[in-house]
């Protein structure tokens, strides 16, 4: 547990305690002109001035969980706090100068509280953050489904499933500003075409996914509903596909009701399938994770096979193997005229 302390350092000085690289990335995401040889204090001043001129940008940057944690710290002000369970949210607050974090203490910056408390606490801001959180969940669901997604396609699908009336530049801005704090995804830009791609860190081989896309250029991205994308985001990439519930229950019984460990194993199975592992490879790897009793093997294989054929695969643009099989069945026979001409 870490102690909660009060820091009376000026806000700009608190910001400047970040690493230079972090400050450079934040400046880049805020579209601020930056000199390559700028000092940490100069970078911090640029960021602070941006927040002073346009404080609403904080609502785009900070995830709702980080804001909730910040209010908890502001209200508590003293005592102790668990660092490990709040690491990602604390990291966001640390980057933006709201807190200073060491191994044994968290220091709350008083000037940051004076500057931004009422902005973050207002009902209007809460509504804006709720909207952005929903956007984030849908986009996270897409990341978990497709692994890699051209942001143009992301925008098209997003607008269609949510009904949000936003422009493509607004979507790109949201991603660029918000994604600096996401641990699950990154943005890549093709320097030749200038196309922007959203990439999950769970993709093991990006080139293989792109190669599969090129082999199936007539295959469009499979679209799910807004609620399905959100469910995926909330479930850390695991949702109610056929067989998932049954396999999770089976795993849970095998490892004596350790739900956390069962979730880790379930997630590992999903990732193997999404990254294109064969059924045989999946069976072999999963068998190493579980000590399956011989009399339970049929149930295990039935559950695993159902999950295998109904999990969206990155290289197949979110389609499952069951989808692909149905598409092949839908192709009509081609009639070839035979016989000799008379």
Protein backbone atom coordinates (compact mmCIF):
# COMPACT_ATOMS: atom_id res chain seq x y z
CA UNK A 1 0.00 0.00 0.00
CA UNK A 2 1.20 3.53 -0.82
CA UNK A 3 0.67 6.64 1.26
CA UNK A 4 -1.39 9.53 -0.15
CA UNK A 5 0.42 12.87 0.09
CA UNK A 6 -0.18 16.44 -1.11
CA UNK A 7 2.12 18.05 -3.71
CA UNK A 8 2.18 21.85 -3.77
CA UNK A 9 4.46 22.03 -6.80
CA UNK A 10 3.22 24.25 -9.67
CA UNK A 11 1.21 22.22 -12.17
CA UNK A 12 3.70 22.86 -14.99
CA UNK A 13 6.54 21.64 -12.80
CA UNK A 14 4.55 18.48 -11.95
CA UNK A 15 4.02 17.84 -15.66
CA UNK A 16 7.73 18.30 -16.34
CA UNK A 17 8.62 15.40 -14.01
CA UNK A 18 7.41 13.07 -16.80
CA UNK A 19 9.90 11.40 -19.10
CA UNK A 20 10.74 13.47 -22.19
CA UNK A 21 9.36 10.75 -24.46
CA UNK A 22 5.98 10.80 -22.68
CA UNK A 23 5.75 14.58 -22.97
CA UNK A 24 6.66 14.42 -26.67
CA UNK A 25 3.93 11.81 -27.31
CA UNK A 26 1.29 13.89 -25.48
CA UNK A 27 2.30 16.98 -27.48
CA UNK A 28 2.05 14.99 -30.69
CA UNK A 29 -1.41 13.68 -29.77
CA UNK A 30 -2.54 17.22 -28.93
CA UNK A 31 -1.28 18.39 -32.35
CA UNK A 32 1.20 20.80 -30.75
CA UNK A 33 4.30 21.94 -32.68
CA UNK A 34 7.36 20.61 -30.87
CA UNK A 35 11.07 21.32 -31.29
CA UNK A 36 13.20 18.16 -31.24
CA UNK A 37 15.57 19.69 -28.70
CA UNK A 38 12.84 21.14 -26.43
CA UNK A 39 13.40 20.73 -22.69
CA UNK A 40 10.94 18.90 -20.44
CA UNK A 41 9.83 22.20 -18.93
CA UNK A 42 9.17 23.70 -22.38
CA UNK A 43 7.12 20.65 -23.38
CA UNK A 44 5.18 20.80 -20.11
CA UNK A 45 4.38 24.49 -20.71
CA UNK A 46 3.02 23.69 -24.19
CA UNK A 47 0.73 21.01 -22.73
CA UNK A 48 -0.43 23.19 -19.81
CA UNK A 49 -1.23 26.08 -22.17
CA UNK A 50 -3.26 23.75 -24.38
CA UNK A 51 -5.30 22.55 -21.39
CA UNK A 52 -5.77 26.16 -20.26
CA UNK A 53 -7.04 27.24 -23.71
CA UNK A 54 -9.07 24.09 -24.43
CA UNK A 55 -9.79 22.20 -21.17
CA UNK A 56 -12.47 20.11 -22.93
CA UNK A 57 -9.68 18.08 -24.54
CA UNK A 58 -9.16 16.40 -21.15
CA UNK A 59 -12.58 14.79 -21.56
CA UNK A 60 -11.36 13.20 -24.79
CA UNK A 61 -8.07 12.05 -23.29
CA UNK A 62 -9.00 10.61 -19.90
CA UNK A 63 -10.90 7.37 -19.53
CA UNK A 64 -13.88 7.49 -17.15
CA UNK A 65 -12.20 5.06 -14.72
CA UNK A 66 -9.20 7.40 -14.39
CA UNK A 67 -11.47 10.37 -13.63
CA UNK A 68 -13.35 8.34 -10.99
CA UNK A 69 -10.02 7.42 -9.38
CA UNK A 70 -8.93 11.07 -9.43
CA UNK A 71 -12.06 12.17 -7.54
CA UNK A 72 -11.49 9.37 -5.05
CA UNK A 73 -7.95 10.66 -4.40
CA UNK A 74 -9.10 14.29 -4.20
CA UNK A 75 -11.73 13.36 -1.62
CA UNK A 76 -9.51 11.01 0.39
CA UNK A 77 -6.39 13.24 0.51
CA UNK A 78 -4.67 11.08 3.12
CA UNK A 79 -4.33 7.46 4.16
CA UNK A 80 -3.12 4.59 1.96
CA UNK A 81 -3.85 3.33 -1.51
CA UNK A 82 -3.28 0.16 -3.61
CA UNK A 83 -1.02 0.99 -6.55
CA UNK A 84 -1.06 -2.36 -8.37
CA UNK A 85 -4.82 -2.63 -8.91
CA UNK A 86 -5.04 0.92 -10.28
CA UNK A 87 -1.86 1.01 -12.35
CA UNK A 88 -3.32 1.93 -15.74
CA UNK A 89 -5.55 4.70 -14.38
CA UNK A 90 -2.75 6.11 -12.24
CA UNK A 91 -0.49 6.11 -15.29
CA UNK A 92 -2.98 8.33 -17.15
CA UNK A 93 -3.18 10.75 -14.21
CA UNK A 94 0.59 10.73 -13.86
CA UNK A 95 1.13 11.59 -17.54
CA UNK A 96 -1.14 14.63 -17.23
CA UNK A 97 0.36 15.96 -13.99
CA UNK A 98 -2.60 15.27 -11.71
CA UNK A 99 -0.53 13.02 -9.44
CA UNK A 100 3.06 12.02 -8.86
CA UNK A 101 3.58 8.30 -8.24
CA UNK A 102 6.46 6.53 -6.52
CA UNK A 103 6.74 3.02 -5.07
CA UNK A 104 5.59 4.05 -1.60
CA UNK A 105 3.46 7.17 -2.14
CA UNK A 106 1.02 9.07 -4.40
CA UNK A 107 1.24 12.87 -4.30
CA UNK A 108 -1.88 14.80 -5.41
CA UNK A 109 -1.12 18.06 -7.22
CA UNK A 110 -3.18 20.83 -5.60
CA UNK A 111 -2.93 23.30 -8.50
CA UNK A 112 -4.26 20.66 -10.93
CA UNK A 113 -7.24 20.20 -8.60
CA UNK A 114 -7.84 23.97 -8.54
CA UNK A 115 -7.61 24.18 -12.33
CA UNK A 116 -9.74 21.21 -13.39
CA UNK A 117 -12.01 20.10 -10.52
CA UNK A 118 -15.15 21.92 -11.65
CA UNK A 119 -14.63 21.04 -15.32
CA UNK A 120 -14.43 17.31 -14.55
CA UNK A 121 -17.21 17.42 -11.95
CA UNK A 122 -19.88 19.17 -14.06
CA UNK A 123 -22.96 17.26 -15.29
CA UNK A 124 -22.24 18.31 -18.87
CA UNK A 125 -18.71 16.88 -18.67
CA UNK A 126 -20.08 13.65 -17.20
CA UNK A 127 -22.43 13.30 -20.19
CA UNK A 128 -19.58 13.96 -22.64
CA UNK A 129 -17.34 11.41 -20.91
CA UNK A 130 -20.15 8.84 -20.92
CA UNK A 131 -20.53 9.32 -24.66
CA UNK A 132 -16.77 8.96 -25.22
CA UNK A 133 -16.70 5.85 -23.01
CA UNK A 134 -19.35 4.27 -25.23
CA UNK A 135 -17.31 5.18 -28.32
CA UNK A 136 -14.27 3.64 -26.70
CA UNK A 137 -16.07 0.41 -25.86
CA UNK A 138 -17.37 -0.03 -29.42
CA UNK A 139 -13.90 0.63 -30.84
CA UNK A 140 -12.30 -1.76 -28.34
CA UNK A 141 -14.85 -4.37 -29.39
CA UNK A 142 -13.72 -3.86 -32.99
CA UNK A 143 -10.08 -4.29 -31.95
CA UNK A 144 -10.88 -7.56 -30.22
CA UNK A 145 -12.89 -8.74 -33.25
CA UNK A 146 -10.68 -7.77 -36.16
CA UNK A 147 -7.19 -7.49 -34.64
CA UNK A 148 -6.25 -5.00 -37.34
CA UNK A 149 -8.66 -2.53 -38.90
CA UNK A 150 -8.23 0.26 -41.42
CA UNK A 151 -9.54 3.36 -39.64
CA UNK A 152 -11.64 4.26 -42.72
CA UNK A 153 -13.48 0.94 -42.31
CA UNK A 154 -13.61 1.48 -38.55
CA UNK A 155 -15.36 4.81 -39.14
CA UNK A 156 -17.87 3.31 -41.59
CA UNK A 157 -18.79 0.44 -39.27
CA UNK A 158 -18.84 2.67 -36.19
CA UNK A 159 -21.26 5.19 -37.73
CA UNK A 160 -23.50 2.44 -39.07
CA UNK A 161 -23.83 0.47 -35.82
CA UNK A 162 -24.01 3.45 -33.41
CA UNK A 163 -25.90 6.00 -35.49
CA UNK A 164 -23.45 8.67 -34.26
CA UNK A 165 -23.33 11.74 -36.52
CA UNK A 166 -19.59 12.40 -36.54
CA UNK A 167 -17.20 13.06 -39.40
CA UNK A 168 -14.17 10.94 -40.26
CA UNK A 169 -11.74 13.67 -39.05
CA UNK A 170 -13.56 13.67 -35.68
CA UNK A 171 -13.12 9.91 -35.41
CA UNK A 172 -9.43 10.10 -36.31
CA UNK A 173 -8.89 12.91 -33.80
CA UNK A 174 -10.60 10.89 -31.05
CA UNK A 175 -8.39 7.89 -31.76
CA UNK A 176 -5.19 9.92 -31.88
CA UNK A 177 -5.95 11.76 -28.64
CA UNK A 178 -7.42 8.86 -26.68
CA UNK A 179 -5.29 5.94 -27.81
CA UNK A 180 -2.11 7.24 -26.19
CA UNK A 181 -3.60 5.88 -22.95
CA UNK A 182 -4.78 2.53 -24.29
CA UNK A 183 -2.63 -0.45 -23.37
CA UNK A 184 -4.42 -2.84 -25.74
CA UNK A 185 -3.91 -1.09 -29.07
CA UNK A 186 -1.67 1.05 -31.22
CA UNK A 187 -2.06 3.13 -34.37
CA UNK A 188 0.07 2.55 -37.46
CA UNK A 189 0.25 4.77 -40.54
CA UNK A 190 1.25 3.43 -43.95
CA UNK A 191 3.76 6.05 -45.07
CA UNK A 192 3.14 5.27 -48.76
CA UNK A 193 -0.64 5.48 -48.78
CA UNK A 194 -1.03 7.54 -45.55
CA UNK A 195 -3.77 5.11 -44.47
CA UNK A 196 -4.15 4.77 -40.70
CA UNK A 197 -4.57 1.34 -39.10
CA UNK A 198 -5.74 0.42 -35.63
CA UNK A 199 -3.87 -2.65 -34.36
CA UNK A 200 -4.50 -4.83 -31.31
CA UNK A 201 -1.44 -5.82 -29.30
CA UNK A 202 -2.93 -9.32 -29.27
CA UNK A 203 -2.13 -9.84 -32.96
CA UNK A 204 0.92 -12.09 -33.11
CA UNK A 205 1.85 -11.58 -36.78
CA UNK A 206 0.57 -8.44 -38.53
CA UNK A 207 2.08 -9.41 -41.88
CA UNK A 208 0.25 -12.73 -41.86
CA UNK A 209 -3.06 -10.95 -41.23
CA UNK A 210 -2.44 -8.50 -44.07
CA UNK A 211 -1.46 -11.40 -46.38
CA UNK A 212 -4.73 -13.20 -45.57
CA UNK A 213 -6.66 -10.00 -46.28
CA UNK A 214 -5.02 -9.74 -49.71
CA UNK A 215 -5.89 -13.34 -50.49
CA UNK A 216 -9.56 -12.59 -49.72
CA UNK A 217 -10.03 -9.10 -51.16
CA UNK A 218 -13.68 -9.79 -51.95
CA UNK A 219 -14.39 -10.55 -48.29
CA UNK A 220 -15.78 -7.58 -46.36
CA UNK A 221 -15.39 -7.06 -42.62
CA UNK A 222 -18.14 -8.91 -40.78
CA UNK A 223 -20.29 -6.41 -38.88
CA UNK A 224 -21.69 -7.08 -35.43
CA UNK A 225 -24.14 -4.98 -33.43
CA UNK A 226 -23.13 -2.09 -31.18
CA UNK A 227 -24.06 -4.14 -28.10
CA UNK A 228 -21.96 -7.08 -29.30
CA UNK A 229 -18.89 -4.85 -29.70
CA UNK A 230 -19.49 -3.38 -26.24
CA UNK A 231 -19.92 -6.86 -24.73
CA UNK A 232 -16.56 -7.86 -26.23
CA UNK A 233 -14.89 -4.79 -24.78
CA UNK A 234 -16.41 -5.40 -21.34
CA UNK A 235 -15.45 -9.07 -21.48
CA UNK A 236 -11.82 -8.36 -22.46
CA UNK A 237 -12.28 -9.97 -25.85
CA UNK A 238 -14.39 -12.94 -24.74
CA UNK A 239 -18.14 -12.94 -25.30
CA UNK A 240 -21.08 -15.30 -25.69
CA UNK A 241 -20.10 -17.05 -28.91
CA UNK A 242 -21.46 -20.60 -29.24
CA UNK A 243 -19.54 -22.99 -26.99
CA UNK A 244 -17.81 -20.33 -24.87
CA UNK A 245 -20.09 -20.71 -21.83
CA UNK A 246 -19.90 -24.51 -21.92
CA UNK A 247 -16.12 -24.56 -22.33
CA UNK A 248 -15.64 -21.99 -19.55
CA UNK A 249 -17.80 -24.11 -17.20
CA UNK A 250 -15.78 -27.20 -18.12
CA UNK A 251 -12.47 -25.41 -17.46
CA UNK A 252 -13.78 -24.02 -14.17
CA UNK A 253 -14.64 -27.50 -12.93
CA UNK A 254 -11.28 -28.89 -14.06
CA UNK A 255 -9.28 -26.32 -12.09
CA UNK A 256 -11.52 -26.41 -9.01
CA UNK A 257 -13.46 -23.16 -9.35
CA UNK A 258 -10.58 -20.69 -9.75
CA UNK A 259 -12.50 -18.16 -11.89
CA UNK A 260 -9.52 -15.91 -12.60
CA UNK A 261 -7.37 -18.79 -13.83
CA UNK A 262 -10.29 -20.15 -15.87
CA UNK A 263 -10.72 -16.74 -17.55
CA UNK A 264 -6.99 -16.62 -18.39
CA UNK A 265 -7.16 -20.08 -19.98
CA UNK A 266 -10.35 -19.15 -21.87
CA UNK A 267 -8.73 -15.96 -23.16
CA UNK A 268 -5.63 -17.92 -24.22
CA UNK A 269 -7.80 -20.33 -26.23
CA UNK A 270 -9.63 -17.45 -27.94
CA UNK A 271 -6.33 -15.77 -28.86
CA UNK A 272 -4.91 -18.97 -30.35
CA UNK A 273 -7.96 -19.30 -32.59
CA UNK A 274 -8.10 -15.62 -33.55
CA UNK A 275 -4.45 -15.68 -34.54
CA UNK A 276 -5.11 -18.52 -36.97
CA UNK A 277 -3.94 -21.63 -35.10
CA UNK A 278 -5.14 -24.90 -36.58
CA UNK A 279 -7.60 -27.06 -34.66
CA UNK A 280 -4.87 -29.64 -33.97
CA UNK A 281 -2.47 -27.00 -32.63
CA UNK A 282 -5.23 -25.58 -30.45
CA UNK A 283 -6.06 -29.01 -29.03
CA UNK A 284 -2.39 -29.74 -28.28
CA UNK A 285 -1.78 -26.39 -26.56
CA UNK A 286 -5.02 -26.48 -24.58
CA UNK A 287 -4.33 -30.05 -23.46
CA UNK A 288 -1.10 -28.78 -21.88
CA UNK A 289 -3.09 -26.24 -19.89
CA UNK A 290 -5.65 -28.77 -18.64
CA UNK A 291 -5.26 -32.25 -17.24
CA UNK A 292 -8.36 -33.70 -18.89
CA UNK A 293 -9.78 -36.95 -17.52
CA UNK A 294 -10.31 -39.64 -20.17
CA UNK A 295 -14.04 -39.95 -19.47
CA UNK A 296 -14.46 -36.19 -19.99
CA UNK A 297 -12.53 -36.00 -23.26
CA UNK A 298 -15.58 -36.13 -25.57
CA UNK A 299 -17.26 -33.21 -23.76
CA UNK A 300 -13.99 -31.27 -23.85
CA UNK A 301 -13.44 -31.81 -27.59
CA UNK A 302 -17.08 -31.02 -28.43
CA UNK A 303 -16.92 -27.71 -26.53
CA UNK A 304 -13.53 -26.78 -27.96
CA UNK A 305 -14.61 -27.56 -31.53
CA UNK A 306 -17.73 -25.39 -31.19
CA UNK A 307 -15.63 -22.46 -29.90
CA UNK A 308 -13.03 -23.05 -32.62
CA UNK A 309 -15.58 -22.72 -35.44
CA UNK A 310 -17.48 -19.76 -33.95
CA UNK A 311 -14.68 -17.39 -32.88
CA UNK A 312 -13.96 -14.42 -35.21
CA UNK A 313 -10.52 -14.72 -36.83
CA UNK A 314 -8.26 -11.71 -37.44
CA UNK A 315 -7.07 -12.80 -40.89
CA UNK A 316 -10.65 -13.44 -42.01
CA UNK A 317 -11.80 -9.90 -41.11
CA UNK A 318 -13.86 -10.97 -38.11
CA UNK A 319 -15.59 -13.87 -39.85
CA UNK A 320 -15.65 -17.26 -38.15
CA UNK A 321 -14.77 -20.58 -39.78
CA UNK A 322 -18.49 -21.42 -39.62
CA UNK A 323 -19.22 -18.20 -41.57
CA UNK A 324 -16.63 -19.13 -44.19
CA UNK A 325 -18.09 -22.62 -44.57
CA UNK A 326 -21.57 -21.16 -45.09
CA UNK A 327 -20.24 -18.75 -47.70
CA UNK A 328 -18.75 -21.64 -49.65
CA UNK A 329 -22.05 -23.51 -49.47
CA UNK A 330 -23.86 -20.44 -50.82
CA UNK A 331 -21.77 -20.42 -54.02
CA UNK A 332 -23.91 -22.04 -56.75
CA UNK A 333 -22.52 -24.77 -58.97
CA UNK A 334 -21.10 -23.52 -62.23
CA UNK A 335 -22.59 -25.33 -65.22
CA UNK A 336 -19.96 -26.22 -67.81
CA UNK A 337 -21.36 -27.16 -71.20
CA UNK A 338 -19.86 -30.38 -72.49
CA UNK A 339 -20.15 -32.65 -75.47
CA UNK A 340 -19.11 -32.27 -79.07
CA UNK A 341 -20.31 -29.54 -81.33
CA UNK A 342 -22.49 -30.74 -84.21
